[in-house]
Amino acid sequence: QGLAITFPVELDAIMAAAANTPPRAEPGPGQQGGKLNLRDSELRKDGRPLVEGCTCVACQRHTRAYIHHLLNTREMLAEVLLNTHNQHMYLLFFESIRAAIERGALAEFTVAFNASRRAAP
């Protein structure tokens, strides 16, 4: 599909985003409600990682433009990199849920997460 998860998944980032939720920004190139469509032609020259600050191998070693190229040439590596990134994001998200449960703040986390998703371009 060519989609990368870009919404906040770490507990502190979600809670901070909810505390100062700005008005909804206009989505950038390829942005679709917290996901990045790497097939968007505007990303063909984008030298940034999928998500700034992400520690997955896809974000550390590859750019949006490169993954866009891999998708357009139907290289299997594109799906491997996107799966690696998305699984990394889901693992961080579930880690955040566990941390919220341990803190006894699952309800607050849920509210904050939903608010951060509404604010996502």
Foldseek 3Di string as FASTA:
>chain_A
DQKAFAFDQAQVVLLVCLVDPDAADDDDQQDDQRIRRLLGPVQLPFAAFRYPPDPFPRRVPHGSNVLNVCVVVVPPVSVVSRVRRRVSSVVNNVVRCVVCVVVVNNVVSVVSNVSSSVNYD
